[in-house]
Amino acid sequence: MRNRINNQIQDHPFTDYWDVFVLKHQHPINIAFHIVGIFFFYGLLFSAWKLQNLWLLLGLPLTQLIGLTGHFLFERSHIDLQDAVFSWRASYCLGKMLFRVIMGKYQDDIRQKQEILNNYQYSKDEV
């Protein structure tokens, strides 16, 4: 199924991956885990550059485990293998999430996507 959210939501109206990403990342602690992972990622990049130690770059894939731990412990949602390892779409969405959290707008995104999903499911139930 295209851009699955989780096992309970079988169908949804979203075609943009950002919308699906937001619905997969609603729990505050899971969001915090992802933000910590982002800071570890860029911290490793900076450290490798500053210390002139390219071996530190080998730790970059491990930063993915921080976000995956957030999903495992706090928000069980479908994780595409391509996104668990690396994908541009997930990287873009993580950066956008960080920016929206800092700007105080991410909770609005969650509410908006949840409302769209609820209206979609309600309209399907009426048919």
PDB file of N, CA and C in Angstrom:
ATOM      1  N   MET A   1       0.839  -1.182   0.000  1.00  0.00           N
ATOM      2  CA  MET A   1       0.000   0.000   0.000  1.00  0.00           C
ATOM      3  C   MET A   1       0.885   1.247   0.000  1.00  0.00           C
ATOM      4  N   ARG A   2       0.466   2.251  -0.698  1.00  0.00           N
ATOM      5  CA  ARG A   2       1.238   3.482  -0.833  1.00  0.00           C
ATOM      6  C   ARG A   2       1.333   4.238   0.489  1.00  0.00           C
ATOM      7  N   ASN A   3       2.514   4.616   0.872  1.00  0.00           N
ATOM      8  CA  ASN A   3       2.735   5.478   2.038  1.00  0.00           C
ATOM      9  C   ASN A   3       1.838   5.127   3.221  1.00  0.00           C
ATOM     10  N   ARG A   4       1.956   3.907   3.676  1.00  0.00           N
ATOM     11  CA  ARG A   4       1.139   3.428   4.790  1.00  0.00           C
ATOM     12  C   ARG A   4       1.446   4.197   6.064  1.00  0.00           C
ATOM     13  N   ILE A   5       0.404   4.503   6.837  1.00  0.00           N
ATOM     14  CA  ILE A   5       0.581   5.214   8.104  1.00  0.00           C
ATOM     15  C   ILE A   5       0.813   4.207   9.224  1.00  0.00           C
ATOM     16  N   ASN A   6      -0.120   3.282   9.399  1.00  0.00           N
ATOM     17  CA  ASN A   6       0.026   2.205  10.380  1.00  0.00           C
ATOM     18  C   ASN A   6      -0.946   1.089  10.031  1.00  0.00           C
ATOM     19  N   ASN A   7      -0.984   0.050  10.856  1.00  0.00           N
ATOM     20  CA  ASN A   7      -1.830  -1.107  10.555  1.00  0.00           C
ATOM     21  C   ASN A   7      -3.313  -0.839  10.753  1.00  0.00           C
ATOM     22  N   GLN A   8      -3.668   0.156  11.553  1.00  0.00           N
ATOM     23  CA  GLN A   8      -5.074   0.458  11.812  1.00  0.00           C
ATOM     24  C   GLN A   8      -5.690   1.320  10.706  1.00  0.00           C
ATOM     25  N   ILE A   9      -4.901   2.128  10.060  1.00  0.00           N
ATOM     26  CA  ILE A   9      -5.410   3.021   9.013  1.00  0.00           C
ATOM     27  C   ILE A   9      -5.127   2.372   7.662  1.00  0.00           C
ATOM     28  N   GLN A  10      -6.164   1.809   7.074  1.00  0.00           N
ATOM     29  CA  GLN A  10      -6.005   1.076   5.825  1.00  0.00           C
ATOM     30  C   GLN A  10      -6.036   1.972   4.592  1.00  0.00           C
ATOM     31  N   ASP A  11      -6.692   3.122   4.688  1.00  0.00           N
ATOM     32  CA  ASP A  11      -6.822   4.010   3.543  1.00  0.00           C
ATOM     33  C   ASP A  11      -6.753   5.454   4.029  1.00  0.00           C
ATOM     34  N   HIS A  12      -6.238   6.323   3.189  1.00  0.00           N
ATOM     35  CA  HIS A  12      -6.150   7.743   3.536  1.00  0.00           C
ATOM     36  C   HIS A  12      -6.136   8.574   2.257  1.00  0.00           C
ATOM     37  N   PRO A  13      -6.398   9.871   2.380  1.00  0.00           N
ATOM     38  CA  PRO A  13      -6.477  10.720   1.193  1.00  0.00           C
ATOM     39  C   PRO A  13      -5.157  11.371   0.778  1.00  0.00           C
ATOM     40  N   PHE A  14      -4.081  11.090   1.470  1.00  0.00           N
ATOM     41  CA  PHE A  14      -2.851  11.852   1.288  1.00  0.00           C
ATOM     42  C   PHE A  14      -1.997  11.329   0.139  1.00  0.00           C
ATOM     43  N   THR A  15      -1.507  12.244  -0.679  1.00  0.00           N
ATOM     44  CA  THR A  15      -0.580  11.891  -1.752  1.00  0.00           C
ATOM     45  C   THR A  15       0.808  12.476  -1.495  1.00  0.00           C
ATOM     46  N   ASP A  16       0.891  13.507  -0.674  1.00  0.00           N
ATOM     47  CA  ASP A  16       2.167  14.127  -0.322  1.00  0.00           C
ATOM     48  C   ASP A  16       2.750  13.395   0.891  1.00  0.00           C
ATOM     49  N   TYR A  17       4.018  12.993   0.790  1.00  0.00           N
ATOM     50  CA  TYR A  17       4.610  12.214   1.872  1.00  0.00           C
ATOM     51  C   TYR A  17       4.672  13.000   3.182  1.00  0.00           C
ATOM     52  N   TRP A  18       4.805  14.312   3.122  1.00  0.00           N
ATOM     53  CA  TRP A  18       4.840  15.119   4.346  1.00  0.00           C
ATOM     54  C   TRP A  18       3.600  14.857   5.198  1.00  0.00           C
ATOM     55  N   ASP A  19       2.435  14.780   4.578  1.00  0.00           N
ATOM     56  CA  ASP A  19       1.195  14.542   5.318  1.00  0.00           C
ATOM     57  C   ASP A  19       1.238  13.204   6.055  1.00  0.00           C
ATOM     58  N   VAL A  20       1.721  12.185   5.368  1.00  0.00           N
ATOM     59  CA  VAL A  20       1.840  10.852   5.973  1.00  0.00           C
ATOM     60  C   VAL A  20       2.888  10.881   7.083  1.00  0.00           C
ATOM     61  N   PHE A  21       3.997  11.548   6.828  1.00  0.00           N
ATOM     62  CA  PHE A  21       5.071  11.671   7.817  1.00  0.00           C
ATOM     63  C   PHE A  21       4.544  12.279   9.112  1.00  0.00           C
ATOM     64  N   VAL A  22       3.763  13.349   8.996  1.00  0.00           N
ATOM     65  CA  VAL A  22       3.218  14.018  10.186  1.00  0.00           C
ATOM     66  C   VAL A  22       2.356  13.048  10.986  1.00  0.00           C
ATOM     67  N   LEU A  23       1.528  12.268  10.307  1.00  0.00           N
ATOM     68  CA  LEU A  23       0.660  11.322  11.018  1.00  0.00           C
ATOM     69  C   LEU A  23       1.445  10.177  11.651  1.00  0.00           C
ATOM     70  N   LYS A  24       2.636   9.905  11.140  1.00  0.00           N
ATOM     71  CA  LYS A  24       3.496   8.878  11.729  1.00  0.00           C
ATOM     72  C   LYS A  24       4.306   9.423  12.905  1.00  0.00           C
ATOM     73  N   HIS A  25       4.314  10.739  13.051  1.00  0.00           N
ATOM     74  CA  HIS A  25       5.138  11.392  14.071  1.00  0.00           C
ATOM     75  C   HIS A  25       4.290  12.368  14.870  1.00  0.00           C
ATOM     76  N   GLN A  26       3.422  11.824  15.737  1.00  0.00           N
ATOM     77  CA  GLN A  26       2.530  12.644  16.545  1.00  0.00           C
ATOM     78  C   GLN A  26       2.875  12.622  18.031  1.00  0.00           C
ATOM     79  N   HIS A  27       3.441  11.537  18.497  1.00  0.00           N
ATOM     80  CA  HIS A  27       3.726  11.398  19.926  1.00  0.00           C
ATOM     81  C   HIS A  27       4.898  12.308  20.312  1.00  0.00           C
ATOM     82  N   PRO A  28       4.725  13.143  21.338  1.00  0.00           N
ATOM     83  CA  PRO A  28       5.775  14.113  21.706  1.00  0.00           C
ATOM     84  C   PRO A  28       7.135  13.485  22.012  1.00  0.00           C
ATOM     85  N   ILE A  29       7.145  12.323  22.635  1.00  0.00           N
ATOM     86  CA  ILE A  29       8.436  11.706  22.969  1.00  0.00           C
ATOM     87  C   ILE A  29       9.090  11.136  21.713  1.00  0.00           C
ATOM     88  N   ASN A  30       8.296  10.580  20.807  1.00  0.00           N
ATOM     89  CA  ASN A  30       8.843  10.110  19.533  1.00  0.00           C
ATOM     90  C   ASN A  30       9.430  11.283  18.751  1.00  0.00           C
ATOM     91  N   ILE A  31       8.726  12.400  18.741  1.00  0.00           N
ATOM     92  CA  ILE A  31       9.233  13.602  18.069  1.00  0.00           C
ATOM     93  C   ILE A  31      10.555  14.025  18.712  1.00  0.00           C
ATOM     94  N   ALA A  32      10.619  14.009  20.035  1.00  0.00           N
ATOM     95  CA  ALA A  32      11.851  14.377  20.743  1.00  0.00           C
ATOM     96  C   ALA A  32      12.996  13.440  20.372  1.00  0.00           C
ATOM     97  N   PHE A  33      12.721  12.137  20.294  1.00  0.00           N
ATOM     98  CA  PHE A  33      13.758  11.177  19.891  1.00  0.00           C
ATOM     99  C   PHE A  33      14.294  11.536  18.505  1.00  0.00           C
ATOM    100  N   HIS A  34      13.393  11.872  17.582  1.00  0.00           N
ATOM    101  CA  HIS A  34      13.826  12.222  16.232  1.00  0.00           C
ATOM    102  C   HIS A  34      14.676  13.493  16.223  1.00  0.00           C
ATOM    103  N   ILE A  35      14.301  14.466  17.019  1.00  0.00           N
ATOM    104  CA  ILE A  35      15.070  15.711  17.071  1.00  0.00           C
ATOM    105  C   ILE A  35      16.453  15.463  17.672  1.00  0.00           C
ATOM    106  N   VAL A  36      16.521  14.636  18.706  1.00  0.00           N
ATOM    107  CA  VAL A  36      17.823  14.259  19.271  1.00  0.00           C
ATOM    108  C   VAL A  36      18.663  13.568  18.199  1.00  0.00           C
ATOM    109  N   GLY A  37      18.047  12.680  17.419  1.00  0.00           N
ATOM    110  CA  GLY A  37      18.756  12.001  16.331  1.00  0.00           C
ATOM    111  C   GLY A  37      19.300  12.974  15.300  1.00  0.00           C
ATOM    112  N   ILE A  38      18.517  13.997  14.972  1.00  0.00           N
ATOM    113  CA  ILE A  38      18.966  15.021  14.020  1.00  0.00           C
ATOM    114  C   ILE A  38      20.192  15.742  14.574  1.00  0.00           C
ATOM    115  N   PHE A  39      20.140  16.127  15.850  1.00  0.00           N
ATOM    116  CA  PHE A  39      21.278  16.831  16.453  1.00  0.00           C
ATOM    117  C   PHE A  39      22.515  15.933  16.533  1.00  0.00           C
ATOM    118  N   PHE A  40      22.324  14.644  16.827  1.00  0.00           N
ATOM    119  CA  PHE A  40      23.456  13.719  16.826  1.00  0.00           C
ATOM    120  C   PHE A  40      24.057  13.616  15.427  1.00  0.00           C
ATOM    121  N   PHE A  41      23.203  13.536  14.406  1.00  0.00           N
ATOM    122  CA  PHE A  41      23.662  13.434  13.022  1.00  0.00           C
ATOM    123  C   PHE A  41      24.559  14.622  12.669  1.00  0.00           C
ATOM    124  N   TYR A  42      24.037  15.830  12.887  1.00  0.00           N
ATOM    125  CA  TYR A  42      24.823  17.016  12.539  1.00  0.00           C
ATOM    126  C   TYR A  42      26.004  17.217  13.481  1.00  0.00           C
ATOM    127  N   GLY A  43      25.866  16.767  14.722  1.00  0.00           N
ATOM    128  CA  GLY A  43      26.993  16.821  15.648  1.00  0.00           C
ATOM    129  C   GLY A  43      28.141  15.935  15.189  1.00  0.00           C
ATOM    130  N   LEU A  44      27.811  14.746  14.680  1.00  0.00           N
ATOM    131  CA  LEU A  44      28.846  13.857  14.148  1.00  0.00           C
ATOM    132  C   LEU A  44      29.508  14.462  12.917  1.00  0.00           C
ATOM    133  N   LEU A  45      28.698  15.043  12.029  1.00  0.00           N
ATOM    134  CA  LEU A  45      29.274  15.689  10.842  1.00  0.00           C
ATOM    135  C   LEU A  45      30.238  16.801  11.247  1.00  0.00           C
ATOM    136  N   PHE A  46      29.799  17.640  12.175  1.00  0.00           N
ATOM    137  CA  PHE A  46      30.633  18.749  12.633  1.00  0.00           C
ATOM    138  C   PHE A  46      31.905  18.232  13.302  1.00  0.00           C
ATOM    139  N   SER A  47      31.765  17.214  14.147  1.00  0.00           N
ATOM    140  CA  SER A  47      32.927  16.655  14.852  1.00  0.00           C
ATOM    141  C   SER A  47      33.923  16.049  13.876  1.00  0.00           C
ATOM    142  N   ALA A  48      33.418  15.338  12.874  1.00  0.00           N
ATOM    143  CA  ALA A  48      34.309  14.739  11.875  1.00  0.00           C
ATOM    144  C   ALA A  48      35.093  15.827  11.146  1.00  0.00           C
ATOM    145  N   TRP A  49      34.424  16.918  10.833  1.00  0.00           N
ATOM    146  CA  TRP A  49      35.087  18.035  10.145  1.00  0.00           C
ATOM    147  C   TRP A  49      36.082  18.733  11.075  1.00  0.00           C
ATOM    148  N   LYS A  50      35.629  19.068  12.275  1.00  0.00           N
ATOM    149  CA  LYS A  50      36.455  19.836  13.216  1.00  0.00           C
ATOM    150  C   LYS A  50      37.669  19.034  13.684  1.00  0.00           C
ATOM    151  N   LEU A  51      37.463  17.752  13.938  1.00  0.00           N
ATOM    152  CA  LEU A  51      38.553  16.905  14.428  1.00  0.00           C
ATOM    153  C   LEU A  51      39.360  16.269  13.296  1.00  0.00           C
ATOM    154  N   GLN A  52      38.926  16.518  12.050  1.00  0.00           N
ATOM    155  CA  GLN A  52      39.590  15.915  10.886  1.00  0.00           C
ATOM    156  C   GLN A  52      39.669  14.393  11.031  1.00  0.00           C
ATOM    157  N   ASN A  53      38.568  13.810  11.505  1.00  0.00           N
ATOM    158  CA  ASN A  53      38.513  12.371  11.738  1.00  0.00           C
ATOM    159  C   ASN A  53      37.336  11.786  10.962  1.00  0.00           C
ATOM    160  N   LEU A  54      37.630  11.285   9.777  1.00  0.00           N
ATOM    161  CA  LEU A  54      36.571  10.741   8.924  1.00  0.00           C
ATOM    162  C   LEU A  54      35.958   9.459   9.486  1.00  0.00           C
ATOM    163  N   TRP A  55      36.648   8.808  10.402  1.00  0.00           N
ATOM    164  CA  TRP A  55      36.108   7.595  11.015  1.00  0.00           C
ATOM    165  C   TRP A  55      34.790   7.881  11.743  1.00  0.00           C
ATOM    166  N   LEU A  56      34.632   9.091  12.230  1.00  0.00           N
ATOM    167  CA  LEU A  56      33.393   9.456  12.924  1.00  0.00           C
ATOM    168  C   LEU A  56      32.176   9.349  12.010  1.00  0.00           C
ATOM    169  N   LEU A  57      32.396   9.493  10.713  1.00  0.00           N
ATOM    170  CA  LEU A  57      31.281   9.407   9.765  1.00  0.00           C
ATOM    171  C   LEU A  57      30.649   8.017   9.749  1.00  0.00           C
ATOM    172  N   LEU A  58      31.399   7.029  10.201  1.00  0.00           N
ATOM    173  CA  LEU A  58      30.842   5.675  10.271  1.00  0.00           C
ATOM    174  C   LEU A  58      29.700   5.586  11.279  1.00  0.00           C
ATOM    175  N   GLY A  59      29.627   6.535  12.185  1.00  0.00           N
ATOM    176  CA  GLY A  59      28.550   6.553  13.170  1.00  0.00           C
ATOM    177  C   GLY A  59      27.254   7.151  12.659  1.00  0.00           C
ATOM    178  N   LEU A  60      27.283   7.778  11.483  1.00  0.00           N
ATOM    179  CA  LEU A  60      26.078   8.433  10.972  1.00  0.00           C
ATOM    180  C   LEU A  60      24.871   7.497  10.853  1.00  0.00           C
ATOM    181  N   PRO A  61      25.043   6.282  10.324  1.00  0.00           N
ATOM    182  CA  PRO A  61      23.862   5.403  10.242  1.00  0.00           C
ATOM    183  C   PRO A  61      23.264   5.066  11.613  1.00  0.00           C
ATOM    184  N   LEU A  62      24.080   5.098  12.648  1.00  0.00           N
ATOM    185  CA  LEU A  62      23.571   4.790  13.986  1.00  0.00           C
ATOM    186  C   LEU A  62      22.599   5.852  14.495  1.00  0.00           C
ATOM    187  N   THR A  63      22.691   7.066  13.946  1.00  0.00           N
ATOM    188  CA  THR A  63      21.757   8.108  14.380  1.00  0.00           C
ATOM    189  C   THR A  63      20.323   7.752  14.003  1.00  0.00           C
ATOM    190  N   GLN A  64      20.164   6.907  12.987  1.00  0.00           N
ATOM    191  CA  GLN A  64      18.826   6.446  12.598  1.00  0.00           C
ATOM    192  C   GLN A  64      18.181   5.635  13.722  1.00  0.00           C
ATOM    193  N   LEU A  65      19.003   4.945  14.488  1.00  0.00           N
ATOM    194  CA  LEU A  65      18.478   4.103  15.569  1.00  0.00           C
ATOM    195  C   LEU A  65      17.759   4.918  16.639  1.00  0.00           C
ATOM    196  N   ILE A  66      18.135   6.167  16.795  1.00  0.00           N
ATOM    197  CA  ILE A  66      17.481   7.010  17.803  1.00  0.00           C
ATOM    198  C   ILE A  66      16.019   7.212  17.432  1.00  0.00           C
ATOM    199  N   GLY A  67      15.761   7.585  16.177  1.00  0.00           N
ATOM    200  CA  GLY A  67      14.384   7.752  15.721  1.00  0.00           C
ATOM    201  C   GLY A  67      13.614   6.446  15.720  1.00  0.00           C
ATOM    202  N   LEU A  68      14.266   5.372  15.300  1.00  0.00           N
ATOM    203  CA  LEU A  68      13.601   4.066  15.296  1.00  0.00           C
ATOM    204  C   LEU A  68      13.234   3.630  16.708  1.00  0.00           C
ATOM    205  N   THR A  69      14.076   3.971  17.684  1.00  0.00           N
ATOM    206  CA  THR A  69      13.771   3.662  19.081  1.00  0.00           C
ATOM    207  C   THR A  69      12.520   4.409  19.523  1.00  0.00           C
ATOM    208  N   GLY A  70      12.390   5.656  19.100  1.00  0.00           N
ATOM    209  CA  GLY A  70      11.179   6.425  19.408  1.00  0.00           C
ATOM    210  C   GLY A  70       9.929   5.758  18.870  1.00  0.00           C
ATOM    211  N   HIS A  71      10.033   5.218  17.655  1.00  0.00           N
ATOM    212  CA  HIS A  71       8.887   4.501  17.083  1.00  0.00           C
ATOM    213  C   HIS A  71       8.618   3.211  17.849  1.00  0.00           C
ATOM    214  N   PHE A  72       9.674   2.483  18.159  1.00  0.00           N
ATOM    215  CA  PHE A  72       9.509   1.195  18.832  1.00  0.00           C
ATOM    216  C   PHE A  72       8.897   1.356  20.220  1.00  0.00           C
ATOM    217  N   LEU A  73       9.335   2.367  20.961  1.00  0.00           N
ATOM    218  CA  LEU A  73       8.886   2.528  22.345  1.00  0.00           C
ATOM    219  C   LEU A  73       7.607   3.349  22.498  1.00  0.00           C
ATOM    220  N   PHE A  74       7.378   4.316  21.615  1.00  0.00           N
ATOM    221  CA  PHE A  74       6.300   5.269  21.875  1.00  0.00           C
ATOM    222  C   PHE A  74       5.252   5.402  20.778  1.00  0.00           C
ATOM    223  N   GLU A  75       5.615   5.136  19.536  1.00  0.00           N
ATOM    224  CA  GLU A  75       4.651   5.358  18.459  1.00  0.00           C
ATOM    225  C   GLU A  75       4.873   4.327  17.359  1.00  0.00           C
ATOM    226  N   ARG A  76       4.153   3.241  17.465  1.00  0.00           N
ATOM    227  CA  ARG A  76       4.293   2.172  16.484  1.00  0.00           C
ATOM    228  C   ARG A  76       3.572   2.557  15.197  1.00  0.00           C
ATOM    229  N   SER A  77       4.313   2.997  14.228  1.00  0.00           N
ATOM    230  CA  SER A  77       3.744   3.307  12.927  1.00  0.00           C
ATOM    231  C   SER A  77       4.539   2.545  11.877  1.00  0.00           C
ATOM    232  N   HIS A  78       3.963   2.447  10.698  1.00  0.00           N
ATOM    233  CA  HIS A  78       4.643   1.731   9.621  1.00  0.00           C
ATOM    234  C   HIS A  78       5.924   2.476   9.246  1.00  0.00           C
ATOM    235  N   ILE A  79       7.009   1.743   9.134  1.00  0.00           N
ATOM    236  CA  ILE A  79       8.278   2.338   8.735  1.00  0.00           C
ATOM    237  C   ILE A  79       8.723   1.655   7.451  1.00  0.00           C
ATOM    238  N   ASP A  80       8.809   2.433   6.375  1.00  0.00           N
ATOM    239  CA  ASP A  80       9.307   1.897   5.115  1.00  0.00           C
ATOM    240  C   ASP A  80      10.796   1.629   5.258  1.00  0.00           C
ATOM    241  N   LEU A  81      11.249   0.497   4.739  1.00  0.00           N
ATOM    242  CA  LEU A  81      12.660   0.135   4.845  1.00  0.00           C
ATOM    243  C   LEU A  81      13.549   1.230   4.257  1.00  0.00           C
ATOM    244  N   GLN A  82      13.130   1.799   3.129  1.00  0.00           N
ATOM    245  CA  GLN A  82      13.953   2.849   2.505  1.00  0.00           C
ATOM    246  C   GLN A  82      14.126   4.045   3.434  1.00  0.00           C
ATOM    247  N   ASP A  83      13.092   4.366   4.220  1.00  0.00           N
ATOM    248  CA  ASP A  83      13.182   5.502   5.138  1.00  0.00           C
ATOM    249  C   ASP A  83      13.977   5.148   6.389  1.00  0.00           C
ATOM    250  N   ALA A  84      13.932   3.891   6.805  1.00  0.00           N
ATOM    251  CA  ALA A  84      14.667   3.457   7.993  1.00  0.00           C
ATOM    252  C   ALA A  84      16.170   3.517   7.749  1.00  0.00           C
ATOM    253  N   VAL A  85      16.591   3.210   6.529  1.00  0.00           N
ATOM    254  CA  VAL A  85      18.011   3.241   6.193  1.00  0.00           C
ATOM    255  C   VAL A  85      18.404   4.664   5.802  1.00  0.00           C
ATOM    256  N   PHE A  86      17.855   5.151   4.710  1.00  0.00           N
ATOM    257  CA  PHE A  86      18.056   6.541   4.278  1.00  0.00           C
ATOM    258  C   PHE A  86      17.168   6.815   3.082  1.00  0.00           C
ATOM    259  N   SER A  87      16.530   7.950   3.095  1.00  0.00           N
ATOM    260  CA  SER A  87      15.828   8.436   1.907  1.00  0.00           C
ATOM    261  C   SER A  87      15.812   9.953   1.946  1.00  0.00           C
ATOM    262  N   TRP A  88      15.822  10.545   0.777  1.00  0.00           N
ATOM    263  CA  TRP A  88      15.776  12.000   0.701  1.00  0.00           C
ATOM    264  C   TRP A  88      14.460  12.526   1.236  1.00  0.00           C
ATOM    265  N   ARG A  89      13.369  11.787   0.959  1.00  0.00           N
ATOM    266  CA  ARG A  89      12.062  12.277   1.407  1.00  0.00           C
ATOM    267  C   ARG A  89      11.985  12.308   2.930  1.00  0.00           C
ATOM    268  N   ALA A  90      12.515  11.276   3.584  1.00  0.00           N
ATOM    269  CA  ALA A  90      12.505  11.254   5.051  1.00  0.00           C
ATOM    270  C   ALA A  90      13.434  12.334   5.607  1.00  0.00           C
ATOM    271  N   SER A  91      14.596  12.509   4.983  1.00  0.00           N
ATOM    272  CA  SER A  91      15.530  13.543   5.437  1.00  0.00           C
ATOM    273  C   SER A  91      14.912  14.926   5.310  1.00  0.00           C
ATOM    274  N   TYR A  92      14.245  15.167   4.186  1.00  0.00           N
ATOM    275  CA  TYR A  92      13.558  16.448   3.988  1.00  0.00           C
ATOM    276  C   TYR A  92      12.492  16.653   5.064  1.00  0.00           C
ATOM    277  N   CYS A  93      11.696  15.614   5.309  1.00  0.00           N
ATOM    278  CA  CYS A  93      10.617  15.722   6.296  1.00  0.00           C
ATOM    279  C   CYS A  93      11.158  15.902   7.711  1.00  0.00           C
ATOM    280  N   LEU A  94      12.264  15.243   8.032  1.00  0.00           N
ATOM    281  CA  LEU A  94      12.871  15.428   9.354  1.00  0.00           C
ATOM    282  C   LEU A  94      13.328  16.871   9.541  1.00  0.00           C
ATOM    283  N   GLY A  95      13.960  17.421   8.511  1.00  0.00           N
ATOM    284  CA  GLY A  95      14.380  18.813   8.589  1.00  0.00           C
ATOM    285  C   GLY A  95      13.198  19.760   8.715  1.00  0.00           C
ATOM    286  N   LYS A  96      12.161  19.472   7.955  1.00  0.00           N
ATOM    287  CA  LYS A  96      10.955  20.305   8.016  1.00  0.00           C
ATOM    288  C   LYS A  96      10.297  20.191   9.388  1.00  0.00           C
ATOM    289  N   MET A  97      10.264  18.969   9.942  1.00  0.00           N
ATOM    290  CA  MET A  97       9.690  18.777  11.273  1.00  0.00           C
ATOM    291  C   MET A  97      10.482  19.580  12.311  1.00  0.00           C
ATOM    292  N   LEU A  98      11.804  19.504  12.256  1.00  0.00           N
ATOM    293  CA  LEU A  98      12.635  20.257  13.196  1.00  0.00           C
ATOM    294  C   LEU A  98      12.326  21.752  13.098  1.00  0.00           C
ATOM    295  N   PHE A  99      12.286  22.267  11.889  1.00  0.00           N
ATOM    296  CA  PHE A  99      11.990  23.682  11.681  1.00  0.00           C
ATOM    297  C   PHE A  99      10.609  24.043  12.220  1.00  0.00           C
ATOM    298  N   ARG A 100       9.598  23.204  11.925  1.00  0.00           N
ATOM    299  CA  ARG A 100       8.226  23.479  12.366  1.00  0.00           C
ATOM    300  C   ARG A 100       8.113  23.390  13.894  1.00  0.00           C
ATOM    301  N   VAL A 101       8.853  22.468  14.514  1.00  0.00           N
ATOM    302  CA  VAL A 101       8.857  22.369  15.984  1.00  0.00           C
ATOM    303  C   VAL A 101       9.468  23.637  16.576  1.00  0.00           C
ATOM    304  N   ILE A 102      10.600  24.054  16.041  1.00  0.00           N
ATOM    305  CA  ILE A 102      11.259  25.266  16.541  1.00  0.00           C
ATOM    306  C   ILE A 102      10.348  26.481  16.388  1.00  0.00           C
ATOM    307  N   MET A 103       9.618  26.547  15.283  1.00  0.00           N
ATOM    308  CA  MET A 103       8.716  27.679  15.024  1.00  0.00           C
ATOM    309  C   MET A 103       7.407  27.572  15.806  1.00  0.00           C
ATOM    310  N   GLY A 104       7.194  26.428  16.471  1.00  0.00           N
ATOM    311  CA  GLY A 104       5.965  26.236  17.238  1.00  0.00           C
ATOM    312  C   GLY A 104       4.758  25.915  16.379  1.00  0.00           C
ATOM    313  N   LYS A 105       4.986  25.407  15.170  1.00  0.00           N
ATOM    314  CA  LYS A 105       3.899  25.147  14.219  1.00  0.00           C
ATOM    315  C   LYS A 105       3.585  23.664  14.026  1.00  0.00           C
ATOM    316  N   TYR A 106       4.427  22.780  14.557  1.00  0.00           N
ATOM    317  CA  TYR A 106       4.253  21.358  14.248  1.00  0.00           C
ATOM    318  C   TYR A 106       2.967  20.787  14.841  1.00  0.00           C
ATOM    319  N   GLN A 107       2.584  21.215  16.026  1.00  0.00           N
ATOM    320  CA  GLN A 107       1.325  20.721  16.603  1.00  0.00           C
ATOM    321  C   GLN A 107       0.139  21.126  15.738  1.00  0.00           C
ATOM    322  N   ASP A 108       0.211  22.302  15.107  1.00  0.00           N
ATOM    323  CA  ASP A 108      -0.836  22.716  14.166  1.00  0.00           C
ATOM    324  C   ASP A 108      -0.879  21.777  12.968  1.00  0.00           C
ATOM    325  N   ASP A 109       0.299  21.372  12.488  1.00  0.00           N
ATOM    326  CA  ASP A 109       0.364  20.425  11.370  1.00  0.00           C
ATOM    327  C   ASP A 109      -0.318  19.114  11.742  1.00  0.00           C
ATOM    328  N   ILE A 110      -0.035  18.623  12.953  1.00  0.00           N
ATOM    329  CA  ILE A 110      -0.639  17.367  13.408  1.00  0.00           C
ATOM    330  C   ILE A 110      -2.153  17.504  13.450  1.00  0.00           C
ATOM    331  N   ARG A 111      -2.643  18.574  14.043  1.00  0.00           N
ATOM    332  CA  ARG A 111      -4.099  18.781  14.130  1.00  0.00           C
ATOM    333  C   ARG A 111      -4.742  18.859  12.747  1.00  0.00           C
ATOM    334  N   GLN A 112      -4.100  19.576  11.835  1.00  0.00           N
ATOM    335  CA  GLN A 112      -4.650  19.738  10.488  1.00  0.00           C
ATOM    336  C   GLN A 112      -4.712  18.397   9.751  1.00  0.00           C
ATOM    337  N   LYS A 113      -3.633  17.633   9.787  1.00  0.00           N
ATOM    338  CA  LYS A 113      -3.608  16.334   9.088  1.00  0.00           C
ATOM    339  C   LYS A 113      -4.593  15.361   9.727  1.00  0.00           C
ATOM    340  N   GLN A 114      -4.692  15.388  11.055  1.00  0.00           N
ATOM    341  CA  GLN A 114      -5.626  14.506  11.755  1.00  0.00           C
ATOM    342  C   GLN A 114      -7.065  14.864  11.384  1.00  0.00           C
ATOM    343  N   GLU A 115      -7.358  16.147  11.280  1.00  0.00           N
ATOM    344  CA  GLU A 115      -8.707  16.582  10.901  1.00  0.00           C
ATOM    345  C   GLU A 115      -9.049  16.141   9.476  1.00  0.00           C
ATOM    346  N   ILE A 116      -8.102  16.282   8.562  1.00  0.00           N
ATOM    347  CA  ILE A 116      -8.321  15.839   7.181  1.00  0.00           C
ATOM    348  C   ILE A 116      -8.577  14.339   7.150  1.00  0.00           C
ATOM    349  N   LEU A 117      -7.765  13.579   7.889  1.00  0.00           N
ATOM    350  CA  LEU A 117      -7.938  12.125   7.932  1.00  0.00           C
ATOM    351  C   LEU A 117      -9.282  11.754   8.542  1.00  0.00           C
ATOM    352  N   ASN A 118      -9.647  12.391   9.643  1.00  0.00           N
ATOM    353  CA  ASN A 118     -10.929  12.091  10.292  1.00  0.00           C
ATOM    354  C   ASN A 118     -12.102  12.397   9.372  1.00  0.00           C
ATOM    355  N   ASN A 119     -12.066  13.528   8.672  1.00  0.00           N
ATOM    356  CA  ASN A 119     -13.136  13.877   7.733  1.00  0.00           C
ATOM    357  C   ASN A 119     -13.217  12.868   6.597  1.00  0.00           C
ATOM    358  N   TYR A 120     -12.063  12.424   6.114  1.00  0.00           N
ATOM    359  CA  TYR A 120     -12.016  11.425   5.043  1.00  0.00           C
ATOM    360  C   TYR A 120     -12.631  10.108   5.511  1.00  0.00           C
ATOM    361  N   GLN A 121     -12.233   9.663   6.684  1.00  0.00           N
ATOM    362  CA  GLN A 121     -12.764   8.402   7.209  1.00  0.00           C
ATOM    363  C   GLN A 121     -14.256   8.512   7.487  1.00  0.00           C
ATOM    364  N   TYR A 122     -14.700   9.649   7.990  1.00  0.00           N
ATOM    365  CA  TYR A 122     -16.118   9.869   8.269  1.00  0.00           C
ATOM    366  C   TYR A 122     -16.927   9.838   6.977  1.00  0.00           C
ATOM    367  N   SER A 123     -16.419  10.491   5.924  1.00  0.00           N
ATOM    368  CA  SER A 123     -17.145  10.514   4.650  1.00  0.00           C
ATOM    369  C   SER A 123     -17.193   9.128   4.018  1.00  0.00           C
ATOM    370  N   LYS A 124     -16.158   8.321   4.215  1.00  0.00           N
ATOM    371  CA  LYS A 124     -16.161   6.949   3.689  1.00  0.00           C
ATOM    372  C   LYS A 124     -17.148   6.077   4.452  1.00  0.00           C
ATOM    373  N   ASP A 125     -17.287   6.326   5.750  1.00  0.00           N
ATOM    374  CA  ASP A 125     -18.218   5.544   6.566  1.00  0.00           C
ATOM    375  C   ASP A 125     -19.662   5.838   6.206  1.00  0.00           C
ATOM    376  N   GLU A 126     -19.927   7.063   5.739  1.00  0.00           N
ATOM    377  CA  GLU A 126     -21.294   7.439   5.392  1.00  0.00           C
ATOM    378  C   GLU A 126     -21.752   6.814   4.086  1.00  0.00           C
ATOM    379  N   VAL A 127     -20.825   6.460   3.234  1.00  0.00           N
ATOM    380  CA  VAL A 127     -21.178   5.917   1.917  1.00  0.00           C
ATOM    381  C   VAL A 127     -21.590   4.482   2.001  1.00  0.00           C
TER     382      VAL A 127
END
